[in-house]
N, C-alpha and C. Protein backbone atom coordinates (compact mmCIF):
# COMPACT_ATOMS: atom_id res chain seq x y z
N MET A 1 18.69 43.48 -108.25
CA MET A 1 17.33 42.99 -108.36
C MET A 1 16.47 43.77 -107.38
N ASN A 2 15.32 44.20 -107.85
CA ASN A 2 14.40 44.89 -106.95
C ASN A 2 13.39 43.91 -106.36
N ASN A 3 12.59 44.39 -105.43
CA ASN A 3 11.66 43.52 -104.72
C ASN A 3 10.58 42.94 -105.65
N GLN A 4 10.14 43.73 -106.64
CA GLN A 4 9.11 43.22 -107.55
C GLN A 4 9.64 42.03 -108.35
N ALA A 5 10.85 42.12 -108.86
CA ALA A 5 11.45 41.01 -109.60
C ALA A 5 11.62 39.79 -108.70
N PHE A 6 12.01 40.04 -107.45
CA PHE A 6 12.16 38.96 -106.46
C PHE A 6 10.82 38.25 -106.24
N GLU A 7 9.78 39.03 -106.04
CA GLU A 7 8.46 38.43 -105.79
C GLU A 7 7.96 37.66 -107.02
N GLU A 8 8.27 38.17 -108.21
CA GLU A 8 7.87 37.46 -109.43
C GLU A 8 8.59 36.12 -109.53
N LEU A 9 9.89 36.10 -109.24
CA LEU A 9 10.63 34.84 -109.27
C LEU A 9 10.14 33.88 -108.19
N LEU A 10 9.81 34.40 -107.03
CA LEU A 10 9.25 33.55 -105.98
C LEU A 10 7.97 32.89 -106.46
N GLN A 11 7.14 33.65 -107.15
CA GLN A 11 5.87 33.11 -107.65
C GLN A 11 6.12 32.00 -108.67
N VAL A 12 7.05 32.24 -109.58
CA VAL A 12 7.39 31.21 -110.57
C VAL A 12 7.92 29.96 -109.87
N ALA A 13 8.72 30.17 -108.83
CA ALA A 13 9.30 29.05 -108.08
C ALA A 13 8.27 28.35 -107.20
N GLY A 14 7.13 29.00 -106.97
CA GLY A 14 6.11 28.42 -106.09
C GLY A 14 6.50 28.50 -104.63
N LEU A 15 7.24 29.55 -104.27
CA LEU A 15 7.72 29.69 -102.90
C LEU A 15 7.17 30.96 -102.26
N SER A 16 6.95 30.89 -100.97
CA SER A 16 6.66 32.09 -100.20
C SER A 16 8.00 32.65 -99.71
N LYS A 17 7.98 33.86 -99.19
CA LYS A 17 9.20 34.43 -98.64
C LYS A 17 9.71 33.59 -97.47
N LYS A 18 8.79 33.09 -96.67
CA LYS A 18 9.18 32.26 -95.52
C LYS A 18 9.82 30.95 -95.99
N GLU A 19 9.24 30.32 -97.01
CA GLU A 19 9.82 29.08 -97.54
C GLU A 19 11.21 29.34 -98.13
N PHE A 20 11.33 30.45 -98.87
CA PHE A 20 12.64 30.81 -99.42
C PHE A 20 13.65 31.00 -98.29
N ALA A 21 13.27 31.74 -97.27
CA ALA A 21 14.17 31.99 -96.15
C ALA A 21 14.62 30.68 -95.51
N ASN A 22 13.71 29.75 -95.34
CA ASN A 22 14.07 28.45 -94.76
C ASN A 22 15.04 27.70 -95.64
N LEU A 23 14.81 27.74 -96.97
CA LEU A 23 15.69 27.02 -97.90
C LEU A 23 17.11 27.56 -97.88
N VAL A 24 17.26 28.87 -97.73
CA VAL A 24 18.60 29.47 -97.73
C VAL A 24 19.12 29.74 -96.32
N ASP A 25 18.42 29.22 -95.33
CA ASP A 25 18.82 29.31 -93.93
C ASP A 25 18.99 30.76 -93.48
N MET A 26 17.96 31.56 -93.76
CA MET A 26 17.94 32.96 -93.33
C MET A 26 16.74 33.21 -92.44
N ASN A 27 16.82 34.26 -91.69
CA ASN A 27 15.69 34.70 -90.90
C ASN A 27 14.63 35.26 -91.85
N SER A 28 13.40 34.81 -91.73
CA SER A 28 12.35 35.27 -92.65
C SER A 28 12.10 36.77 -92.53
N ASN A 29 12.35 37.36 -91.36
CA ASN A 29 12.20 38.81 -91.21
C ASN A 29 13.20 39.55 -92.09
N SER A 30 14.40 39.02 -92.23
CA SER A 30 15.40 39.65 -93.09
C SER A 30 14.92 39.68 -94.54
N VAL A 31 14.37 38.57 -94.99
CA VAL A 31 13.86 38.49 -96.36
C VAL A 31 12.68 39.43 -96.54
N THR A 32 11.80 39.48 -95.59
CA THR A 32 10.65 40.38 -95.66
C THR A 32 11.08 41.84 -95.69
N ASN A 33 12.14 42.16 -94.98
CA ASN A 33 12.63 43.55 -94.91
C ASN A 33 13.27 44.03 -96.20
N TRP A 34 13.56 43.14 -97.14
CA TRP A 34 14.14 43.57 -98.41
C TRP A 34 13.20 44.53 -99.15
N ASN A 35 11.89 44.39 -98.92
CA ASN A 35 10.96 45.27 -99.64
C ASN A 35 11.03 46.71 -99.13
N LYS A 36 11.55 46.92 -97.94
CA LYS A 36 11.67 48.28 -97.40
C LYS A 36 12.71 49.10 -98.16
N SER A 37 13.80 48.46 -98.51
CA SER A 37 14.86 49.16 -99.23
C SER A 37 14.75 48.95 -100.74
N ASP A 38 13.90 48.01 -101.14
CA ASP A 38 13.74 47.62 -102.55
C ASP A 38 15.05 47.14 -103.16
N LYS A 39 15.93 46.62 -102.31
CA LYS A 39 17.19 46.05 -102.79
C LYS A 39 17.29 44.62 -102.28
N VAL A 40 17.36 43.72 -103.22
CA VAL A 40 17.50 42.30 -102.90
C VAL A 40 18.95 41.93 -103.22
N PRO A 41 19.61 41.15 -102.37
CA PRO A 41 21.00 40.77 -102.65
C PRO A 41 21.16 40.16 -104.05
N GLN A 42 22.29 40.45 -104.65
CA GLN A 42 22.54 40.05 -106.03
C GLN A 42 22.45 38.54 -106.25
N TRP A 43 22.84 37.73 -105.28
CA TRP A 43 22.88 36.28 -105.45
C TRP A 43 21.48 35.66 -105.52
N VAL A 44 20.47 36.37 -105.04
CA VAL A 44 19.13 35.80 -104.94
C VAL A 44 18.54 35.46 -106.31
N GLY A 45 18.73 36.33 -107.28
CA GLY A 45 18.18 36.07 -108.62
C GLY A 45 18.73 34.80 -109.23
N SER A 46 20.05 34.64 -109.19
CA SER A 46 20.64 33.44 -109.77
C SER A 46 20.25 32.20 -108.97
N TRP A 47 20.15 32.33 -107.65
CA TRP A 47 19.74 31.19 -106.82
C TRP A 47 18.34 30.73 -107.20
N LEU A 48 17.42 31.70 -107.31
CA LEU A 48 16.04 31.35 -107.65
C LEU A 48 15.93 30.78 -109.07
N ASN A 49 16.67 31.34 -110.01
CA ASN A 49 16.64 30.80 -111.37
C ASN A 49 17.14 29.36 -111.40
N LEU A 50 18.18 29.06 -110.65
CA LEU A 50 18.67 27.68 -110.57
C LEU A 50 17.67 26.76 -109.86
N TYR A 51 17.02 27.28 -108.83
CA TYR A 51 16.00 26.50 -108.13
C TYR A 51 14.87 26.14 -109.08
N ILE A 52 14.41 27.12 -109.85
CA ILE A 52 13.32 26.90 -110.81
C ILE A 52 13.75 25.88 -111.86
N GLU A 53 14.96 26.02 -112.39
CA GLU A 53 15.48 25.07 -113.38
C GLU A 53 15.57 23.66 -112.80
N ASN A 54 16.02 23.57 -111.56
CA ASN A 54 16.13 22.27 -110.90
C ASN A 54 14.76 21.62 -110.71
N GLN A 55 13.76 22.42 -110.35
CA GLN A 55 12.40 21.88 -110.18
C GLN A 55 11.89 21.33 -111.51
N LYS A 56 12.14 22.05 -112.59
CA LYS A 56 11.72 21.59 -113.92
C LYS A 56 12.43 20.29 -114.29
N CYS A 57 13.72 20.20 -113.97
CA CYS A 57 14.48 18.98 -114.24
C CYS A 57 13.93 17.80 -113.44
N LYS A 58 13.57 18.05 -112.19
CA LYS A 58 12.99 16.98 -111.37
C LYS A 58 11.67 16.49 -111.95
N GLU A 59 10.85 17.43 -112.42
CA GLU A 59 9.58 17.05 -113.03
C GLU A 59 9.81 16.23 -114.29
N LEU A 60 10.74 16.66 -115.13
CA LEU A 60 11.05 15.94 -116.35
C LEU A 60 11.61 14.55 -116.04
N LYS A 61 12.47 14.47 -115.05
CA LYS A 61 13.04 13.19 -114.65
C LYS A 61 11.94 12.22 -114.20
N ALA A 62 10.99 12.72 -113.43
CA ALA A 62 9.89 11.87 -112.97
C ALA A 62 9.05 11.38 -114.14
N ILE A 63 8.79 12.26 -115.10
CA ILE A 63 8.02 11.88 -116.28
C ILE A 63 8.77 10.83 -117.08
N LEU A 64 10.06 11.05 -117.30
CA LEU A 64 10.86 10.08 -118.06
C LEU A 64 10.94 8.74 -117.34
N LYS A 65 11.14 8.78 -116.03
CA LYS A 65 11.21 7.54 -115.27
C LYS A 65 9.91 6.78 -115.36
N GLU A 66 8.81 7.49 -115.23
CA GLU A 66 7.50 6.86 -115.31
C GLU A 66 7.27 6.24 -116.70
N THR A 67 7.65 6.96 -117.72
CA THR A 67 7.47 6.50 -119.10
C THR A 67 8.35 5.29 -119.39
N VAL A 68 9.60 5.35 -119.00
CA VAL A 68 10.53 4.25 -119.26
C VAL A 68 10.15 3.03 -118.46
N CYS A 69 9.83 3.21 -117.21
CA CYS A 69 9.46 2.07 -116.35
C CYS A 69 8.16 1.42 -116.82
N ASP A 70 7.20 2.23 -117.25
CA ASP A 70 5.93 1.69 -117.75
C ASP A 70 6.13 0.91 -119.03
N ASN A 71 7.06 1.32 -119.87
CA ASN A 71 7.31 0.63 -121.14
C ASN A 71 8.10 -0.66 -120.96
N GLN A 72 8.75 -0.84 -119.85
CA GLN A 72 9.54 -2.06 -119.63
C GLN A 72 8.73 -3.21 -119.08
N GLU A 73 7.53 -2.93 -118.67
CA GLU A 73 6.70 -4.00 -118.06
C GLU A 73 6.02 -4.83 -119.10
């Protein structure tokens, strides 16, 4: 994965590089330095894709919970 693809996934995820670094318990300078070599570790793409999928699932769960709970009253 190159830095451009990484930044695009970050944008979809709604994360900054600093937020991403905090989530994966990394130094934010290390994450920022990936753009110098234009090489992002291989695991980052799959991690971000799963993060994005999880966020969508959480949103859907909240909508379903709201809908089901509202209909039971």
